[in-house]
Protein backbone atom coordinates (compact mmCIF):
# COMPACT_ATOMS: atom_id res chain seq x y z
CA UNK A 1 -0.13 105.39 75.83
CA UNK A 2 2.80 103.28 76.13
CA UNK A 3 5.12 106.14 76.25
CA UNK A 4 3.28 107.93 79.04
CA UNK A 5 3.19 104.89 80.95
CA UNK A 6 7.17 104.50 80.60
CA UNK A 7 8.03 108.56 81.32
CA UNK A 8 5.47 108.25 84.23
CA UNK A 9 7.58 105.69 85.63
CA UNK A 10 10.79 106.96 84.72
CA UNK A 11 9.80 110.33 86.65
CA UNK A 12 8.85 108.14 89.61
CA UNK A 13 12.16 106.47 89.59
CA UNK A 14 14.18 109.51 89.33
CA UNK A 15 12.05 111.46 92.37
CA UNK A 16 12.99 108.28 94.52
CA UNK A 17 16.18 108.31 94.01
CA UNK A 18 16.46 111.29 95.08
CA UNK A 19 15.02 111.17 98.04
CA UNK A 20 17.56 111.86 101.02
CA UNK A 21 18.26 108.12 102.78
CA UNK A 22 16.53 107.86 106.17
CA UNK A 23 18.51 106.60 109.04
CA UNK A 24 17.74 103.05 110.06
CA UNK A 25 20.36 102.14 112.67
CA UNK A 26 20.75 103.28 116.47
CA UNK A 27 24.01 104.74 115.59
CA UNK A 28 23.99 108.60 115.90
CA UNK A 29 23.69 111.65 118.43
CA UNK A 30 20.56 111.96 120.67
CA UNK A 31 19.22 114.48 122.83
CA UNK A 32 16.82 114.90 125.84
CA UNK A 33 15.96 117.76 127.18
CA UNK A 34 16.25 116.40 130.59
CA UNK A 35 19.31 114.24 130.17
CA UNK A 36 21.25 115.83 127.84
CA UNK A 37 23.16 114.18 124.84
CA UNK A 38 24.77 110.97 124.14
CA UNK A 39 26.34 109.32 121.35
CA UNK A 40 26.14 105.18 120.00
CA UNK A 41 28.63 104.54 117.37
CA UNK A 42 28.52 100.70 117.34
CA UNK A 43 29.62 99.42 120.25
CA UNK A 44 30.97 102.47 121.56
CA UNK A 45 28.87 104.67 123.51
CA UNK A 46 28.75 108.28 125.21
CA UNK A 47 27.09 108.29 128.18
CA UNK A 48 24.64 111.63 128.97
CA UNK A 49 27.31 111.85 131.92
CA UNK A 50 29.77 112.30 129.29
CA UNK A 51 31.75 108.78 130.04
CA UNK A 52 32.85 107.16 127.15
CA UNK A 53 31.59 103.13 127.37
CA UNK A 54 31.06 100.06 125.80
CA UNK A 55 27.95 97.82 125.33
CA UNK A 56 26.14 95.23 123.50
CA UNK A 57 25.26 96.34 120.06
CA UNK A 58 22.43 95.84 117.30
CA UNK A 59 21.43 98.19 114.69
CA UNK A 60 18.23 98.40 116.38
CA UNK A 61 19.53 98.16 119.81
CA UNK A 62 22.00 99.02 122.22
CA UNK A 63 22.87 98.20 126.10
CA UNK A 64 25.48 99.44 128.69
CA UNK A 65 25.88 99.36 132.14
CA UNK A 66 25.88 103.15 133.64
CA UNK A 67 28.82 103.79 134.86
CA UNK A 68 29.84 104.45 138.44
CA UNK A 69 29.35 108.58 139.15
CA UNK A 70 26.34 108.06 136.81
CA UNK A 71 22.41 108.05 138.06
CA UNK A 72 21.39 104.66 138.27
CA UNK A 73 25.48 103.43 138.52
CA UNK A 74 25.63 99.34 138.00
CA UNK A 75 22.11 99.13 136.22
CA UNK A 76 21.54 97.94 132.84
CA UNK A 77 20.51 100.45 130.12
CA UNK A 78 18.72 99.46 127.36
CA UNK A 79 18.26 101.91 123.82
CA UNK A 80 15.86 100.76 121.68
CA UNK A 81 15.45 102.66 117.94
CA UNK A 82 11.52 103.16 117.87
CA UNK A 83 11.58 104.92 114.18
CA UNK A 84 14.39 107.15 112.62
CA UNK A 85 14.55 109.88 114.91
CA UNK A 86 13.06 108.29 118.35
CA UNK A 87 14.82 106.15 120.92
CA UNK A 88 13.76 104.79 124.37
CA UNK A 89 15.99 104.77 126.92
CA UNK A 90 15.17 102.22 129.64
CA UNK A 91 17.03 102.32 132.40
CA UNK A 92 17.15 99.49 135.03
CA UNK A 93 14.91 97.38 132.84
CA UNK A 94 11.96 95.53 134.77
CA UNK A 95 9.83 96.32 137.80
CA UNK A 96 11.55 99.65 138.31
CA UNK A 97 11.99 100.61 134.86
CA UNK A 98 11.95 104.18 133.88
CA UNK A 99 11.53 105.01 130.27
CA UNK A 100 12.60 107.92 128.90
CA UNK A 101 11.96 109.50 125.43
CA UNK A 102 14.87 110.37 123.01
CA UNK A 103 15.61 112.49 119.54
CA UNK A 104 18.06 112.27 117.39
CA UNK A 105 20.26 115.90 118.02
CA UNK A 106 19.61 118.44 115.27
CA UNK A 107 22.34 119.44 113.35
CA UNK A 108 23.81 122.99 114.58
CA UNK A 109 24.18 125.56 112.49
CA UNK A 110 27.23 127.62 113.30
């Protein structure tokens, strides 16, 4: 009986260690069918308009000011990680806020 418990425990540990790691940070490439793509790498952000800017960074959230020439230019843009594959992007936080749902971009297949 003892051997069966040890074998089961070892099999469970092997299975769990073989499971791919899940992202738990906002860093990465994000897509939205209406707004395009954006990238977050720490404080470095490439906006949906293709502009590179910097912002405030927390592992699960980020904030930047929309650059000139983009919709909502000058407005604060907050991004919050909802789960591993979903982020909410809030443009102009406050009463007039627009909340956008972004998903991690799928890997491209060549």
